Amino acid sequence: MKEKLQAYNEDFLAYLFDVRGYSETTVETYEIALRQMAEVSHFYKEEGEWVLDITPFRFAIVKNSKKTIVKKLSAVRSFVKYLEDQCRMQIKLIADESIKVPQSLPKPIEETYITEVLGRANLEEKLLISMLYGLGLRISELSELKLEDIKEGWVQIHGKGNKVRELPLLEALQQLVKLYVKETMPKKYLFEKGNAPMNAAQLRYRITKLFKASGIKATPHQLRHSFATHLLNNGARIADVSELLGHATMATTQVYTKLGSVKKMQEYMKAHPLAGK
């Protein structure tokens, strides 16, 4: 779809110059912003509506000055308005708004740390971590997860506000669940103590203790944040991640894009040949 997006860009730039009478300098400014946006953004059709997800573009321009970011986003909005007005297209624009990140938002756990802890965990501990990190569950959702909600390849989650969502089970996670159920033989809930489900506090204690043994301070909620951040950093669409997390709106999910951009900038500053010179 990138070729299609680039073609629309060319049409828009010609429209600005030939019809609107914009100067060459102004059109060039638009061209730079839109070319950068088109190279990294997601453009696709969903349920009869075109979607333009510029989340990766926001990553790319995060260190620009506020004035530059405003200009580039304005160019994108003008482009979308052109498609809607002149091309009669329905466009859903994602991630064009300003994002504020709550200071209390936990930092994601490094992938290498999670792998390290998984390597030392017993079967129950490994499943605990894998369900939280592999599915992005809330600890309360995991506590209430029943065996009947786990089907071949899918798991049904009853989240906040009695909202139900279906999540795909990775093949490795499916096998881990089967092995755990076979060895521990839970009756009703995936994680039980006696005849009752383990509550959130009991599950949280096991997780924090396990990471602490490896010298890592971590919480179950950080595993959920890690799930979202690592997916977005590896190119997942924010709309998909939002649905997997069970967020009511994508605005809630967008805080992870800011966290990810900070991490990327830190890595860039360490890796670039000019860093430290």
C-alpha atoms as a PDB file:
ATOM      1  CA  MET A   1       0.000   0.000   0.000  1.00  0.00           C
ATOM      2  CA  LYS A   2       3.021   2.329   0.292  1.00  0.00           C
ATOM      3  CA  GLU A   3       3.099   2.781  -3.482  1.00  0.00           C
ATOM      4  CA  LYS A   4      -0.579   3.791  -3.441  1.00  0.00           C
ATOM      5  CA  LEU A   5       0.062   6.249  -0.614  1.00  0.00           C
ATOM      6  CA  GLN A   6       3.018   7.753  -2.497  1.00  0.00           C
ATOM      7  CA  ALA A   7       0.858   8.107  -5.606  1.00  0.00           C
ATOM      8  CA  TYR A   8      -1.801   9.971  -3.629  1.00  0.00           C
ATOM      9  CA  ASN A   9       0.959  12.195  -2.240  1.00  0.00           C
ATOM     10  CA  GLU A  10       2.088  13.120  -5.752  1.00  0.00           C
ATOM     11  CA  ASP A  11      -1.485  13.969  -6.769  1.00  0.00           C
ATOM     12  CA  PHE A  12      -1.904  16.114  -3.658  1.00  0.00           C
ATOM     13  CA  LEU A  13       1.335  18.021  -4.257  1.00  0.00           C
ATOM     14  CA  ALA A  14       0.305  18.686  -7.864  1.00  0.00           C
ATOM     15  CA  TYR A  15      -3.060  19.920  -6.591  1.00  0.00           C
ATOM     16  CA  LEU A  16      -1.354  22.338  -4.188  1.00  0.00           C
ATOM     17  CA  PHE A  17       0.864  23.752  -6.936  1.00  0.00           C
ATOM     18  CA  ASP A  18      -1.477  23.758  -9.942  1.00  0.00           C
ATOM     19  CA  VAL A  19      -4.881  24.402  -8.337  1.00  0.00           C
ATOM     20  CA  ARG A  20      -4.189  26.110  -5.041  1.00  0.00           C
ATOM     21  CA  GLY A  21      -1.256  28.115  -6.372  1.00  0.00           C
ATOM     22  CA  TYR A  22       1.163  27.293  -3.549  1.00  0.00           C
ATOM     23  CA  SER A  23       4.783  28.345  -4.051  1.00  0.00           C
ATOM     24  CA  GLU A  24       7.478  25.806  -4.921  1.00  0.00           C
ATOM     25  CA  THR A  25       9.056  26.301  -1.480  1.00  0.00           C
ATOM     26  CA  THR A  26       5.787  25.575   0.322  1.00  0.00           C
ATOM     27  CA  VAL A  27       5.059  22.525  -1.819  1.00  0.00           C
ATOM     28  CA  GLU A  28       8.577  21.247  -1.145  1.00  0.00           C
ATOM     29  CA  THR A  29       7.959  21.566   2.600  1.00  0.00           C
ATOM     30  CA  TYR A  30       4.794  19.501   2.235  1.00  0.00           C
ATOM     31  CA  GLU A  31       6.639  16.974   0.081  1.00  0.00           C
ATOM     32  CA  ILE A  32       9.363  16.370   2.671  1.00  0.00           C
ATOM     33  CA  ALA A  33       6.841  15.782   5.480  1.00  0.00           C
ATOM     34  CA  LEU A  34       4.552  13.546   3.408  1.00  0.00           C
ATOM     35  CA  ARG A  35       7.395  11.481   1.952  1.00  0.00           C
ATOM     36  CA  GLN A  36       8.686  10.827   5.462  1.00  0.00           C
ATOM     37  CA  MET A  37       5.191   9.929   6.638  1.00  0.00           C
ATOM     38  CA  ALA A  38       4.490   7.600   3.701  1.00  0.00           C
ATOM     39  CA  GLU A  39       7.744   5.662   4.126  1.00  0.00           C
ATOM     40  CA  VAL A  40       6.899   4.415   7.614  1.00  0.00           C
ATOM     41  CA  SER A  41       3.150   4.717   8.203  1.00  0.00           C
ATOM     42  CA  HIS A  42       0.509   1.995   7.866  1.00  0.00           C
ATOM     43  CA  PHE A  43      -2.091   2.544   5.136  1.00  0.00           C
ATOM     44  CA  TYR A  44      -4.794  -0.100   4.762  1.00  0.00           C
ATOM     45  CA  LYS A  45      -8.490  -0.664   4.231  1.00  0.00           C
ATOM     46  CA  GLU A  46     -10.717  -1.969   7.010  1.00  0.00           C
ATOM     47  CA  GLU A  47     -14.476  -2.500   6.807  1.00  0.00           C
ATOM     48  CA  GLY A  48     -14.823  -0.237   3.786  1.00  0.00           C
ATOM     49  CA  GLU A  49     -12.832   2.609   5.336  1.00  0.00           C
ATOM     50  CA  TRP A  50      -9.245   3.612   4.623  1.00  0.00           C
ATOM     51  CA  VAL A  51      -7.033   3.826   7.711  1.00  0.00           C
ATOM     52  CA  LEU A  52      -3.851   5.871   7.929  1.00  0.00           C
ATOM     53  CA  ASP A  53      -1.920   4.995  11.077  1.00  0.00           C
ATOM     54  CA  ILE A  54       0.962   7.460  11.474  1.00  0.00           C
ATOM     55  CA  THR A  55       2.226   6.041  14.773  1.00  0.00           C
ATOM     56  CA  PRO A  56       5.637   5.096  13.265  1.00  0.00           C
ATOM     57  CA  PHE A  57       5.838   8.608  11.808  1.00  0.00           C
ATOM     58  CA  ARG A  58       5.346  10.018  15.313  1.00  0.00           C
ATOM     59  CA  PHE A  59       8.275   7.860  16.447  1.00  0.00           C
ATOM     60  CA  ALA A  60      10.407   9.281  13.655  1.00  0.00           C
ATOM     61  CA  ILE A  61       9.727  12.963  14.404  1.00  0.00           C
ATOM     62  CA  VAL A  62       9.590  12.816  18.194  1.00  0.00           C
ATOM     63  CA  LYS A  63      12.898  14.711  18.593  1.00  0.00           C
ATOM     64  CA  ASN A  64      11.979  17.461  16.143  1.00  0.00           C
ATOM     65  CA  SER A  65      11.132  20.855  17.565  1.00  0.00           C
ATOM     66  CA  LYS A  66       7.536  21.424  18.582  1.00  0.00           C
ATOM     67  CA  LYS A  67       7.133  23.891  15.724  1.00  0.00           C
ATOM     68  CA  THR A  68       8.409  21.354  13.166  1.00  0.00           C
ATOM     69  CA  ILE A  69       6.155  18.582  14.511  1.00  0.00           C
ATOM     70  CA  VAL A  70       3.133  20.893  14.290  1.00  0.00           C
ATOM     71  CA  LYS A  71       3.980  21.755  10.664  1.00  0.00           C
ATOM     72  CA  LYS A  72       4.467  18.108   9.659  1.00  0.00           C
ATOM     73  CA  LEU A  73       1.238  16.987  11.309  1.00  0.00           C
ATOM     74  CA  SER A  74      -0.564  19.882   9.671  1.00  0.00           C
ATOM     75  CA  ALA A  75       0.710  18.691   6.279  1.00  0.00           C
ATOM     76  CA  VAL A  76      -0.614  15.197   6.987  1.00  0.00           C
ATOM     77  CA  ARG A  77      -4.019  16.527   8.054  1.00  0.00           C
ATOM     78  CA  SER A  78      -4.229  18.664   4.906  1.00  0.00           C
ATOM     79  CA  PHE A  79      -3.379  15.598   2.830  1.00  0.00           C
ATOM     80  CA  VAL A  80      -6.122  13.563   4.522  1.00  0.00           C
ATOM     81  CA  LYS A  81      -8.636  16.376   4.009  1.00  0.00           C
ATOM     82  CA  TYR A  82      -7.685  16.444   0.307  1.00  0.00           C
ATOM     83  CA  LEU A  83      -8.372  12.703   0.007  1.00  0.00           C
ATOM     84  CA  GLU A  84     -11.733  13.114   1.728  1.00  0.00           C
ATOM     85  CA  ASP A  85     -12.853  16.206  -0.200  1.00  0.00           C
ATOM     86  CA  GLN A  86     -11.313  15.707  -3.635  1.00  0.00           C
ATOM     87  CA  CYS A  87     -11.093  11.903  -3.889  1.00  0.00           C
ATOM     88  CA  ARG A  88     -14.270  11.108  -1.931  1.00  0.00           C
ATOM     89  CA  MET A  89     -12.388   8.709   0.346  1.00  0.00           C
ATOM     90  CA  GLN A  90     -13.293   7.890   3.931  1.00  0.00           C
ATOM     91  CA  ILE A  91     -10.093   8.208   5.958  1.00  0.00           C
ATOM     92  CA  LYS A  92      -9.523   7.306   9.585  1.00  0.00           C
ATOM     93  CA  LEU A  93      -6.378   9.061  10.812  1.00  0.00           C
ATOM     94  CA  ILE A  94      -4.678   7.455  13.813  1.00  0.00           C
ATOM     95  CA  ALA A  95      -2.095   9.035  16.152  1.00  0.00           C
ATOM     96  CA  ASP A  96      -2.167  12.619  14.921  1.00  0.00           C
ATOM     97  CA  GLU A  97      -3.017  14.128  18.293  1.00  0.00           C
ATOM     98  CA  SER A  98      -0.698  15.346  21.026  1.00  0.00           C
ATOM     99  CA  ILE A  99       0.087  12.684  23.618  1.00  0.00           C
ATOM    100  CA  LYS A 100       0.796  13.184  27.306  1.00  0.00           C
ATOM    101  CA  VAL A 101       2.370  10.290  29.183  1.00  0.00           C
ATOM    102  CA  PRO A 102       1.442   9.898  32.857  1.00  0.00           C
ATOM    103  CA  GLN A 103       4.561  10.018  35.015  1.00  0.00           C
ATOM    104  CA  SER A 104       3.382   6.969  36.937  1.00  0.00           C
ATOM    105  CA  LEU A 105       3.368   4.715  33.875  1.00  0.00           C
ATOM    106  CA  PRO A 106       5.686   1.755  34.595  1.00  0.00           C
ATOM    107  CA  LYS A 107       8.675   1.180  32.355  1.00  0.00           C
ATOM    108  CA  PRO A 108       8.613  -1.969  30.204  1.00  0.00           C
ATOM    109  CA  ILE A 109      10.921  -4.823  31.137  1.00  0.00           C
ATOM    110  CA  GLU A 110      13.775  -5.570  28.746  1.00  0.00           C
ATOM    111  CA  GLU A 111      13.143  -8.632  26.587  1.00  0.00           C
ATOM    112  CA  THR A 112      16.463 -10.152  27.635  1.00  0.00           C
ATOM    113  CA  TYR A 113      15.486  -9.935  31.314  1.00  0.00           C
ATOM    114  CA  ILE A 114      12.169 -11.671  30.676  1.00  0.00           C
ATOM    115  CA  THR A 115      13.933 -14.434  28.740  1.00  0.00           C
ATOM    116  CA  GLU A 116      16.456 -14.827  31.540  1.00  0.00           C
ATOM    117  CA  VAL A 117      13.760 -15.207  34.205  1.00  0.00           C
ATOM    118  CA  LEU A 118      11.768 -17.638  32.057  1.00  0.00           C
ATOM    119  CA  GLY A 119      14.874 -19.788  31.780  1.00  0.00           C
ATOM    120  CA  ARG A 120      15.030 -20.180  35.575  1.00  0.00           C
ATOM    121  CA  ALA A 121      11.303 -20.550  36.245  1.00  0.00           C
ATOM    122  CA  ASN A 122       9.434 -23.748  37.099  1.00  0.00           C
ATOM    123  CA  LEU A 123       6.378 -24.797  35.077  1.00  0.00           C
ATOM    124  CA  GLU A 124       3.831 -22.742  37.043  1.00  0.00           C
ATOM    125  CA  GLU A 125       6.047 -19.656  37.102  1.00  0.00           C
ATOM    126  CA  LYS A 126       6.796 -19.960  33.403  1.00  0.00           C
ATOM    127  CA  LEU A 127       3.082 -20.114  32.590  1.00  0.00           C
ATOM    128  CA  LEU A 128       2.360 -17.134  34.855  1.00  0.00           C
ATOM    129  CA  ILE A 129       4.908 -14.959  33.056  1.00  0.00           C
ATOM    130  CA  SER A 130       3.949 -16.236  29.615  1.00  0.00           C
ATOM    131  CA  MET A 131       0.230 -15.516  30.100  1.00  0.00           C
ATOM    132  CA  LEU A 132       0.900 -11.951  31.247  1.00  0.00           C
ATOM    133  CA  TYR A 133       3.651 -11.135  28.751  1.00  0.00           C
ATOM    134  CA  GLY A 134       2.361 -13.277  25.871  1.00  0.00           C
ATOM    135  CA  LEU A 135      -1.241 -12.022  26.038  1.00  0.00           C
ATOM    136  CA  GLY A 136      -0.961  -8.635  27.771  1.00  0.00           C
ATOM    137  CA  LEU A 137      -3.405  -9.647  30.503  1.00  0.00           C
ATOM    138  CA  ARG A 138      -4.237  -7.704  33.627  1.00  0.00           C
ATOM    139  CA  ILE A 139      -3.415  -9.650  36.784  1.00  0.00           C
ATOM    140  CA  SER A 140      -7.112  -9.651  37.740  1.00  0.00           C
ATOM    141  CA  GLU A 141      -7.999 -11.181  34.362  1.00  0.00           C
ATOM    142  CA  LEU A 142      -5.472 -13.946  34.861  1.00  0.00           C
ATOM    143  CA  SER A 143      -6.752 -14.635  38.366  1.00  0.00           C
ATOM    144  CA  GLU A 144     -10.297 -15.144  37.064  1.00  0.00           C
ATOM    145  CA  LEU A 145      -9.355 -17.150  33.966  1.00  0.00           C
ATOM    146  CA  LYS A 146     -11.327 -20.404  33.798  1.00  0.00           C
ATOM    147  CA  LEU A 147     -10.293 -23.562  31.980  1.00  0.00           C
ATOM    148  CA  GLU A 148     -13.479 -23.436  29.917  1.00  0.00           C
ATOM    149  CA  ASP A 149     -12.361 -20.074  28.528  1.00  0.00           C
ATOM    150  CA  ILE A 150      -9.253 -21.634  26.974  1.00  0.00           C
ATOM    151  CA  LYS A 151     -10.050 -23.214  23.630  1.00  0.00           C
ATOM    152  CA  GLU A 152      -7.849 -24.567  20.850  1.00  0.00           C
ATOM    153  CA  GLY A 153      -5.778 -21.626  19.717  1.00  0.00           C
ATOM    154  CA  TRP A 154      -7.835 -18.986  21.544  1.00  0.00           C
ATOM    155  CA  VAL A 155      -8.560 -17.702  25.025  1.00  0.00           C
ATOM    156  CA  GLN A 156     -11.615 -15.707  26.066  1.00  0.00           C
ATOM    157  CA  ILE A 157     -10.914 -12.893  28.511  1.00  0.00           C
ATOM    158  CA  HIS A 158     -13.537 -11.202  30.675  1.00  0.00           C
ATOM    159  CA  GLY A 159     -12.093  -7.748  31.236  1.00  0.00           C
ATOM    160  CA  LYS A 160     -13.093  -4.419  32.726  1.00  0.00           C
ATOM    161  CA  GLY A 161     -16.747  -3.459  32.492  1.00  0.00           C
ATOM    162  CA  ASN A 162     -17.718  -7.050  31.656  1.00  0.00           C
ATOM    163  CA  LYS A 163     -16.175  -6.643  28.211  1.00  0.00           C
ATOM    164  CA  VAL A 164     -15.165  -9.906  26.573  1.00  0.00           C
ATOM    165  CA  ARG A 165     -12.310 -10.208  24.091  1.00  0.00           C
ATOM    166  CA  GLU A 166     -10.842 -13.161  22.214  1.00  0.00           C
ATOM    167  CA  LEU A 167      -7.057 -13.456  22.173  1.00  0.00           C
ATOM    168  CA  PRO A 168      -4.968 -15.775  19.982  1.00  0.00           C
ATOM    169  CA  LEU A 169      -2.720 -18.234  21.823  1.00  0.00           C
ATOM    170  CA  LEU A 170       0.799 -18.598  20.481  1.00  0.00           C
ATOM    171  CA  GLU A 171       1.678 -22.208  19.672  1.00  0.00           C
ATOM    172  CA  ALA A 172       4.339 -22.323  22.386  1.00  0.00           C
ATOM    173  CA  LEU A 173       1.853 -20.970  24.911  1.00  0.00           C
ATOM    174  CA  GLN A 174      -0.761 -23.538  23.886  1.00  0.00           C
ATOM    175  CA  GLN A 175       1.712 -26.344  24.575  1.00  0.00           C
ATOM    176  CA  LEU A 176       2.693 -24.800  27.904  1.00  0.00           C
ATOM    177  CA  VAL A 177      -0.953 -24.607  29.008  1.00  0.00           C
ATOM    178  CA  LYS A 178      -1.570 -28.231  28.016  1.00  0.00           C
ATOM    179  CA  LEU A 179       1.492 -29.436  29.926  1.00  0.00           C
ATOM    180  CA  TYR A 180       0.560 -27.408  33.015  1.00  0.00           C
ATOM    181  CA  VAL A 181      -3.045 -28.641  33.038  1.00  0.00           C
ATOM    182  CA  LYS A 182      -1.871 -32.235  32.571  1.00  0.00           C
ATOM    183  CA  GLU A 183       0.587 -32.056  35.480  1.00  0.00           C
ATOM    184  CA  THR A 184      -1.376 -29.954  37.992  1.00  0.00           C
ATOM    185  CA  MET A 185      -4.935 -30.954  37.044  1.00  0.00           C
ATOM    186  CA  PRO A 186      -6.763 -27.749  38.054  1.00  0.00           C
ATOM    187  CA  LYS A 187     -10.537 -28.164  38.433  1.00  0.00           C
ATOM    188  CA  LYS A 188     -12.098 -24.882  37.313  1.00  0.00           C
ATOM    189  CA  TYR A 189      -9.549 -22.066  37.152  1.00  0.00           C
ATOM    190  CA  LEU A 190      -6.166 -22.103  35.435  1.00  0.00           C
ATOM    191  CA  PHE A 191      -4.429 -21.044  38.653  1.00  0.00           C
ATOM    192  CA  GLU A 192      -5.988 -22.495  41.793  1.00  0.00           C
ATOM    193  CA  LYS A 193      -5.201 -22.883  45.458  1.00  0.00           C
ATOM    194  CA  GLY A 194      -7.438 -25.461  47.021  1.00  0.00           C
ATOM    195  CA  ASN A 195     -10.892 -25.097  45.502  1.00  0.00           C
ATOM    196  CA  ALA A 196     -10.586 -21.370  44.842  1.00  0.00           C
ATOM    197  CA  PRO A 197      -8.761 -19.332  42.208  1.00  0.00           C
ATOM    198  CA  MET A 198      -5.506 -17.701  43.238  1.00  0.00           C
ATOM    199  CA  ASN A 199      -6.306 -14.064  43.824  1.00  0.00           C
ATOM    200  CA  ALA A 200      -4.410 -11.180  42.242  1.00  0.00           C
ATOM    201  CA  ALA A 201      -2.271 -10.630  45.343  1.00  0.00           C
ATOM    202  CA  GLN A 202      -1.108 -14.268  45.384  1.00  0.00           C
ATOM    203  CA  LEU A 203      -0.207 -14.191  41.699  1.00  0.00           C
ATOM    204  CA  ARG A 204       1.523 -10.826  42.066  1.00  0.00           C
ATOM    205  CA  TYR A 205       3.633 -12.124  44.956  1.00  0.00           C
ATOM    206  CA  ARG A 206       4.869 -15.066  42.853  1.00  0.00           C
ATOM    207  CA  ILE A 207       5.806 -12.832  39.951  1.00  0.00           C
ATOM    208  CA  THR A 208       7.651 -10.179  41.966  1.00  0.00           C
ATOM    209  CA  LYS A 209       9.485 -12.852  43.989  1.00  0.00           C
ATOM    210  CA  LEU A 210      10.590 -14.632  40.837  1.00  0.00           C
ATOM    211  CA  PHE A 211      12.015 -11.496  39.212  1.00  0.00           C
ATOM    212  CA  LYS A 212      13.577 -10.374  42.488  1.00  0.00           C
ATOM    213  CA  ALA A 213      15.530 -13.651  42.625  1.00  0.00           C
ATOM    214  CA  SER A 214      17.193 -12.554  39.379  1.00  0.00           C
ATOM    215  CA  GLY A 215      17.892  -9.077  40.749  1.00  0.00           C
ATOM    216  CA  ILE A 216      15.085  -7.452  38.782  1.00  0.00           C
ATOM    217  CA  LYS A 217      12.351  -5.285  40.273  1.00  0.00           C
ATOM    218  CA  ALA A 218       9.229  -6.007  38.235  1.00  0.00           C
ATOM    219  CA  THR A 219       5.453  -6.219  38.568  1.00  0.00           C
ATOM    220  CA  PRO A 220       2.733  -8.071  36.630  1.00  0.00           C
ATOM    221  CA  HIS A 221       1.517  -4.747  35.249  1.00  0.00           C
ATOM    222  CA  GLN A 222       4.971  -4.103  33.824  1.00  0.00           C
ATOM    223  CA  LEU A 223       4.679  -7.358  31.881  1.00  0.00           C
ATOM    224  CA  ARG A 224       1.445  -6.029  30.348  1.00  0.00           C
ATOM    225  CA  HIS A 225       3.220  -2.789  29.470  1.00  0.00           C
ATOM    226  CA  SER A 226       6.104  -4.798  28.008  1.00  0.00           C
ATOM    227  CA  PHE A 227       3.666  -6.768  25.841  1.00  0.00           C
ATOM    228  CA  ALA A 228       2.277  -3.540  24.338  1.00  0.00           C
ATOM    229  CA  THR A 229       5.594  -1.699  23.996  1.00  0.00           C
ATOM    230  CA  HIS A 230       7.460  -4.588  22.385  1.00  0.00           C
ATOM    231  CA  LEU A 231       4.643  -5.175  19.885  1.00  0.00           C
ATOM    232  CA  LEU A 232       4.575  -1.503  18.865  1.00  0.00           C
ATOM    233  CA  ASN A 233       8.366  -1.305  18.682  1.00  0.00           C
ATOM    234  CA  ASN A 234       8.329  -4.246  16.275  1.00  0.00           C
ATOM    235  CA  GLY A 235       5.813  -2.666  13.917  1.00  0.00           C
ATOM    236  CA  ALA A 236       2.410  -3.844  15.192  1.00  0.00           C
ATOM    237  CA  ARG A 237      -0.525  -1.550  14.387  1.00  0.00           C
ATOM    238  CA  ILE A 238      -1.741   0.471  17.330  1.00  0.00           C
ATOM    239  CA  ALA A 239      -5.372  -0.440  16.530  1.00  0.00           C
ATOM    240  CA  ASP A 240      -4.535  -4.145  16.881  1.00  0.00           C
ATOM    241  CA  VAL A 241      -2.578  -3.665  20.103  1.00  0.00           C
ATOM    242  CA  SER A 242      -5.417  -1.600  21.557  1.00  0.00           C
ATOM    243  CA  GLU A 243      -7.877  -4.406  20.818  1.00  0.00           C
ATOM    244  CA  LEU A 244      -5.585  -7.045  22.315  1.00  0.00           C
ATOM    245  CA  LEU A 245      -5.209  -5.008  25.508  1.00  0.00           C
ATOM    246  CA  GLY A 246      -8.940  -4.434  25.804  1.00  0.00           C
ATOM    247  CA  HIS A 247      -8.616  -0.648  25.879  1.00  0.00           C
ATOM    248  CA  ALA A 248     -11.827   1.317  25.461  1.00  0.00           C
ATOM    249  CA  THR A 249     -10.096   3.811  23.161  1.00  0.00           C
ATOM    250  CA  MET A 250      -6.822   3.933  21.243  1.00  0.00           C
ATOM    251  CA  ALA A 251      -5.904   7.104  23.131  1.00  0.00           C
ATOM    252  CA  THR A 252      -5.111   4.903  26.131  1.00  0.00           C
ATOM    253  CA  THR A 253      -2.803   2.725  24.033  1.00  0.00           C
ATOM    254  CA  GLN A 254      -0.978   5.687  22.512  1.00  0.00           C
ATOM    255  CA  VAL A 255       0.975   6.372  25.704  1.00  0.00           C
ATOM    256  CA  TYR A 256       3.133   3.374  24.766  1.00  0.00           C
ATOM    257  CA  THR A 257       4.237   5.057  21.561  1.00  0.00           C
ATOM    258  CA  LYS A 258       5.840   7.855  23.578  1.00  0.00           C
ATOM    259  CA  LEU A 259       7.609   5.383  25.846  1.00  0.00           C
ATOM    260  CA  GLY A 260       8.896   3.485  22.848  1.00  0.00           C
ATOM    261  CA  SER A 261      10.165   6.623  21.151  1.00  0.00           C
ATOM    262  CA  VAL A 262      12.186   7.607  24.214  1.00  0.00           C
ATOM    263  CA  LYS A 263      13.834   4.169  24.242  1.00  0.00           C
ATOM    264  CA  LYS A 264      14.595   4.341  20.538  1.00  0.00           C
ATOM    265  CA  MET A 265      16.194   7.753  20.911  1.00  0.00           C
ATOM    266  CA  GLN A 266      18.369   6.481  23.773  1.00  0.00           C
ATOM    267  CA  GLU A 267      19.550   3.565  21.617  1.00  0.00           C
ATOM    268  CA  TYR A 268      20.206   5.918  18.709  1.00  0.00           C
ATOM    269  CA  MET A 269      22.282   8.242  20.881  1.00  0.00           C
ATOM    270  CA  LYS A 270      24.409   5.297  22.023  1.00  0.00           C
ATOM    271  CA  ALA A 271      24.759   3.624  18.622  1.00  0.00           C
ATOM    272  CA  HIS A 272      25.348   6.481  16.185  1.00  0.00           C
ATOM    273  CA  PRO A 273      29.012   7.005  15.152  1.00  0.00           C
ATOM    274  CA  LEU A 274      28.776  10.692  16.052  1.00  0.00           C
ATOM    275  CA  ALA A 275      27.480   9.947  19.569  1.00  0.00           C
ATOM    276  CA  GLY A 276      29.854  11.264  22.210  1.00  0.00           C
ATOM    277  CA  LYS A 277      31.930  13.275  19.778  1.00  0.00           C
END
